[in-house]
Amino acid sequence: SSDAETVEDRLLEALEHTRMIVRGDEVRLQRCGRTDSGVSALGQVVSLYARASKRDLLDAASSSSSSSLVGVIPPGTDLSDTSLTAERLCERTEAWWREECAAAATATGTETPRRRGGGEIDYVAALNSALPADIRVYGWSPVDHSFSARFSCLQRHYKYFFLRGSLDIEAMQRACAFLVGEHDFRNFCKPNLPAVQTHIRTIHEAFVRSSVGGGADDTHIDVVSPFALFE
């Protein structure tokens, strides 16, 4: 193992510091994907077992206030939807929690359903108070026990930034089109790796974006795929 400091190390320390987990417990931490050394993911997803409050709620109307639902992401939410503003996410969360409360009340015959999503521990505020300023938790969602941040992931979006300089962006854009689809990418990874069973991967999207102006050079290649190619 490496002695290098990682985001995962800091997250585990914050989980322990806030008593969300106990060292030695089976937390089953999984991350959507790994990154190269010195590279961090934006919007990384992790799954784990953590402490929950398990306290009773009041009625459904009072439990779905905006303050009790901050940071909650309803299951099934498509976070790649660019039209999903923070306001719309809050509205969707409140509607989902009302449905949860109504379903729980119907099943138990009581108007005080157990906490499952909204009204739970404020994981976002608690963890961010214990994390370095450059690492932030944006939200959480209750999931089924079978969910895995790694294996339940539908797609991963990679961006590789570089200086445009005198590169021919149009030619690079045409070349990206050849990457789309199912191909054998063995020439893109280290040879003879015992952990790699297949080099075949499917690329859904591959394109170049470039915006140069005002002293800034924002040029990058975007690749969208269900799985990464190891090493």
Protein backbone atom coordinates (compact mmCIF):
# COMPACT_ATOMS: atom_id res chain seq x y z
CA SER A 1 0.00 0.00 0.00
CA SER A 2 1.07 3.60 -0.62
CA ASP A 3 1.92 6.09 2.13
CA ALA A 4 0.46 8.89 0.00
CA GLU A 5 -2.39 10.87 1.50
CA THR A 6 -5.72 10.17 -0.21
CA VAL A 7 -9.26 11.58 -0.18
CA GLU A 8 -10.48 8.17 1.01
CA ASP A 9 -8.17 8.37 4.05
CA ARG A 10 -9.56 11.77 5.00
CA LEU A 11 -13.17 10.56 4.49
CA LEU A 12 -12.61 7.55 6.75
CA GLU A 13 -11.05 9.77 9.40
CA ALA A 14 -14.07 12.12 9.24
CA LEU A 15 -16.48 9.16 9.51
CA GLU A 16 -14.64 7.95 12.61
CA HIS A 17 -14.35 11.43 14.13
CA THR A 18 -18.12 12.00 13.80
CA ARG A 19 -18.82 8.48 15.13
CA MET A 20 -20.53 7.44 11.87
CA ILE A 21 -18.37 4.32 11.84
CA VAL A 22 -16.14 2.53 14.34
CA ARG A 23 -12.68 1.34 13.30
CA GLY A 24 -12.80 -2.43 12.85
CA ASP A 25 -16.51 -2.53 12.04
CA GLU A 26 -17.59 -4.03 8.73
CA VAL A 27 -18.50 -0.80 6.88
CA ARG A 28 -18.12 -2.26 3.36
CA LEU A 29 -16.80 0.98 1.91
CA GLN A 30 -16.75 0.99 -1.89
CA ARG A 31 -15.99 3.82 -4.25
CA CYS A 32 -17.30 4.27 -7.78
CA GLY A 33 -13.80 4.33 -9.17
CA ARG A 34 -10.16 4.99 -8.41
CA THR A 35 -8.08 7.83 -9.81
CA ASP A 36 -4.42 8.20 -10.67
CA SER A 37 -2.06 9.50 -8.02
CA GLY A 38 -2.52 13.24 -7.58
CA VAL A 39 -5.87 13.22 -9.39
CA SER A 40 -9.20 13.57 -7.60
CA ALA A 41 -12.75 12.88 -8.77
CA LEU A 42 -15.51 15.48 -8.94
CA GLY A 43 -18.81 13.94 -7.87
CA GLN A 44 -17.26 10.70 -6.61
CA VAL A 45 -19.81 8.22 -5.19
CA VAL A 46 -19.11 5.89 -2.27
CA SER A 47 -21.32 3.33 -0.52
CA LEU A 48 -20.94 2.10 3.06
CA TYR A 49 -22.76 1.10 6.24
CA ALA A 50 -22.96 4.04 8.66
CA ARG A 51 -24.72 4.92 11.88
CA ALA A 52 -28.35 6.10 11.58
CA SER A 53 -30.57 7.88 14.08
CA LYS A 54 -33.57 5.49 14.02
CA ARG A 55 -35.71 8.02 15.89
CA ASP A 56 -39.44 8.53 15.19
CA LEU A 57 -40.73 11.38 13.04
CA LEU A 58 -43.71 13.59 13.59
CA ASP A 59 -46.40 13.58 10.92
CA ALA A 60 -45.51 13.59 7.24
CA ALA A 61 -46.21 17.28 6.78
CA SER A 62 -43.78 18.47 9.44
CA SER A 63 -41.12 15.91 8.53
CA SER A 64 -40.78 17.11 4.94
CA SER A 65 -39.56 20.60 5.72
CA SER A 66 -36.68 21.82 3.61
CA SER A 67 -34.33 22.01 6.60
CA SER A 68 -34.77 18.32 7.44
CA LEU A 69 -34.07 17.20 3.89
CA VAL A 70 -30.94 19.18 3.02
CA GLY A 71 -28.38 16.93 1.34
CA VAL A 72 -30.80 14.03 0.76
CA ILE A 73 -30.80 12.57 -2.75
CA PRO A 74 -33.87 10.41 -3.53
CA PRO A 75 -33.09 6.89 -4.87
CA GLY A 76 -33.24 6.74 -8.67
CA THR A 77 -32.27 10.39 -9.16
CA ASP A 78 -30.44 10.95 -12.45
CA LEU A 79 -27.63 13.32 -11.40
CA SER A 80 -26.43 13.56 -15.01
CA ASP A 81 -29.64 15.48 -15.85
CA THR A 82 -28.36 18.99 -16.53
CA SER A 83 -31.85 20.45 -16.00
CA LEU A 84 -31.88 19.21 -12.39
CA THR A 85 -31.31 22.43 -10.47
CA ALA A 86 -30.86 22.56 -6.70
CA GLU A 87 -34.40 23.90 -6.37
CA ARG A 88 -35.87 21.07 -8.45
CA LEU A 89 -33.86 18.51 -6.48
CA CYS A 90 -35.29 19.88 -3.22
CA GLU A 91 -38.83 19.71 -4.61
CA ARG A 92 -38.28 16.13 -5.79
CA THR A 93 -36.81 15.18 -2.42
CA GLU A 94 -39.76 16.58 -0.49
CA ALA A 95 -42.24 14.80 -2.78
CA TRP A 96 -40.34 11.52 -2.36
CA TRP A 97 -40.26 11.84 1.43
CA ARG A 98 -44.01 12.52 1.62
CA GLU A 99 -44.57 9.32 -0.36
CA GLU A 100 -42.23 7.45 2.01
CA CYS A 101 -44.12 8.72 5.05
CA ALA A 102 -47.49 7.86 3.52
CA ALA A 103 -46.32 4.35 2.61
CA ALA A 104 -44.91 3.77 6.09
CA ALA A 105 -48.11 5.01 7.72
CA THR A 106 -50.20 2.68 5.54
CA ALA A 107 -47.99 -0.31 6.33
CA THR A 108 -47.82 0.26 10.10
CA GLY A 109 -51.19 1.89 10.74
CA THR A 110 -49.50 4.80 12.49
CA GLU A 111 -48.86 8.42 11.62
CA THR A 112 -45.33 8.34 13.06
CA PRO A 113 -43.25 6.39 10.52
CA ARG A 114 -39.60 5.61 11.25
CA ARG A 115 -36.89 7.87 9.86
CA ARG A 116 -35.47 6.52 6.60
CA GLY A 117 -34.31 9.49 4.55
CA GLY A 118 -35.36 13.03 5.44
CA GLY A 119 -34.97 13.84 9.12
CA GLU A 120 -32.03 11.48 9.51
CA ILE A 121 -28.64 12.52 10.84
CA ASP A 122 -27.36 15.51 8.90
CA TYR A 123 -24.52 13.54 7.33
CA VAL A 124 -23.52 16.37 5.00
CA ALA A 125 -23.03 18.99 7.72
CA ALA A 126 -21.43 16.55 10.15
CA LEU A 127 -18.86 15.19 7.71
CA ASN A 128 -18.02 18.56 6.15
CA SER A 129 -17.30 19.93 9.63
CA ALA A 130 -14.62 17.25 10.02
CA LEU A 131 -13.20 17.25 6.47
CA PRO A 132 -10.48 19.51 5.01
CA ALA A 133 -11.84 22.54 3.14
CA ASP A 134 -10.90 21.07 -0.25
CA ILE A 135 -12.96 17.89 0.29
CA ARG A 136 -16.75 18.29 0.42
CA VAL A 137 -19.71 15.93 0.80
CA TYR A 138 -22.67 17.13 -1.31
CA GLY A 139 -25.41 14.65 -0.50
CA TRP A 140 -26.45 11.17 0.56
CA SER A 141 -29.15 8.66 -0.30
CA PRO A 142 -30.55 5.55 1.43
CA VAL A 143 -29.95 2.51 -0.78
CA ASP A 144 -30.73 -1.19 -0.83
CA HIS A 145 -28.24 -3.58 0.79
CA SER A 146 -27.38 -4.92 -2.67
CA PHE A 147 -26.22 -1.51 -3.92
CA SER A 148 -22.52 -1.12 -4.71
CA ALA A 149 -20.99 2.23 -5.66
CA ARG A 150 -18.56 0.30 -7.84
CA PHE A 151 -20.65 -2.39 -9.50
CA SER A 152 -24.03 -0.62 -9.61
CA CYS A 153 -22.55 2.34 -11.48
CA LEU A 154 -24.15 2.87 -14.90
CA GLN A 155 -21.44 5.08 -16.35
CA ARG A 156 -18.32 7.06 -15.50
CA HIS A 157 -17.38 10.40 -17.01
CA TYR A 158 -13.67 11.12 -17.43
CA LYS A 159 -12.13 14.46 -18.37
CA TYR A 160 -8.48 14.77 -19.37
CA PHE A 161 -7.28 18.41 -19.33
CA PHE A 162 -4.35 19.69 -21.38
CA LEU A 163 -3.02 22.87 -22.97
CA ARG A 164 -4.35 23.42 -26.47
CA GLY A 165 -1.30 25.14 -27.88
CA SER A 166 -1.10 24.49 -31.63
CA LEU A 167 -2.97 21.15 -31.51
CA ASP A 168 -5.50 20.47 -34.26
CA ILE A 169 -8.72 20.19 -32.22
CA GLU A 170 -10.86 19.34 -35.27
CA ALA A 171 -8.60 16.39 -36.14
CA MET A 172 -8.70 15.23 -32.53
CA GLN A 173 -12.50 15.45 -32.60
CA ARG A 174 -12.61 13.21 -35.68
CA ALA A 175 -10.21 10.75 -34.02
CA CYS A 176 -12.42 10.55 -30.92
CA ALA A 177 -15.24 9.19 -33.06
CA PHE A 178 -13.20 5.99 -33.61
CA LEU A 179 -13.18 5.33 -29.86
CA VAL A 180 -16.98 5.21 -29.56
CA GLY A 181 -18.47 1.73 -29.41
CA GLU A 182 -17.14 -1.64 -28.19
CA HIS A 183 -13.43 -2.18 -28.83
CA ASP A 184 -10.38 -4.05 -27.55
CA PHE A 185 -8.23 -1.44 -25.76
CA ARG A 186 -5.30 -3.68 -24.79
CA ASN A 187 -2.81 -1.25 -26.34
CA PHE A 188 -3.96 1.44 -23.90
CA CYS A 189 -2.94 -0.39 -20.71
CA LYS A 190 0.06 -2.17 -19.23
CA PRO A 191 0.69 -5.64 -20.71
CA ASN A 192 0.35 -8.97 -18.90
CA LEU A 193 -1.58 -7.75 -15.86
CA PRO A 194 -2.99 -10.80 -14.01
CA ALA A 195 -5.94 -8.77 -12.68
CA VAL A 196 -7.19 -7.95 -16.19
CA GLN A 197 -9.45 -10.64 -17.66
CA THR A 198 -10.52 -8.66 -20.74
CA HIS A 199 -9.48 -5.48 -22.50
CA ILE A 200 -12.84 -5.02 -24.21
CA ARG A 201 -14.66 -1.88 -23.15
CA THR A 202 -17.62 0.13 -24.45
CA ILE A 203 -17.28 3.89 -24.93
CA HIS A 204 -20.60 5.75 -25.06
CA GLU A 205 -19.17 9.19 -25.79
CA ALA A 206 -15.76 10.63 -26.68
CA PHE A 207 -15.23 14.24 -27.69
CA VAL A 208 -12.96 17.26 -27.28
CA ARG A 209 -14.03 20.59 -25.79
CA SER A 210 -11.91 23.71 -25.99
CA SER A 211 -12.46 27.22 -24.69
CA VAL A 212 -9.49 29.55 -24.91
CA GLY A 213 -9.82 33.19 -24.00
CA GLY A 214 -9.23 35.75 -21.29
CA GLY A 215 -5.93 34.13 -20.42
CA ALA A 216 -7.56 30.78 -19.68
CA ASP A 217 -7.10 27.52 -21.55
CA ASP A 218 -9.95 25.09 -20.83
CA THR A 219 -9.30 22.22 -23.23
CA HIS A 220 -10.14 18.64 -22.38
CA ILE A 221 -11.12 15.26 -23.79
CA ASP A 222 -14.34 13.77 -22.40
CA VAL A 223 -14.85 10.00 -22.29
CA VAL A 224 -18.06 8.39 -20.99
CA SER A 225 -18.03 4.64 -20.31
CA PRO A 226 -19.57 2.13 -17.87
CA PHE A 227 -16.14 0.79 -16.83
CA ALA A 228 -12.56 1.96 -16.69
CA LEU A 229 -9.63 -0.01 -18.07
CA PHE A 230 -7.36 -1.11 -15.23
CA GLU A 231 -3.81 0.33 -15.42
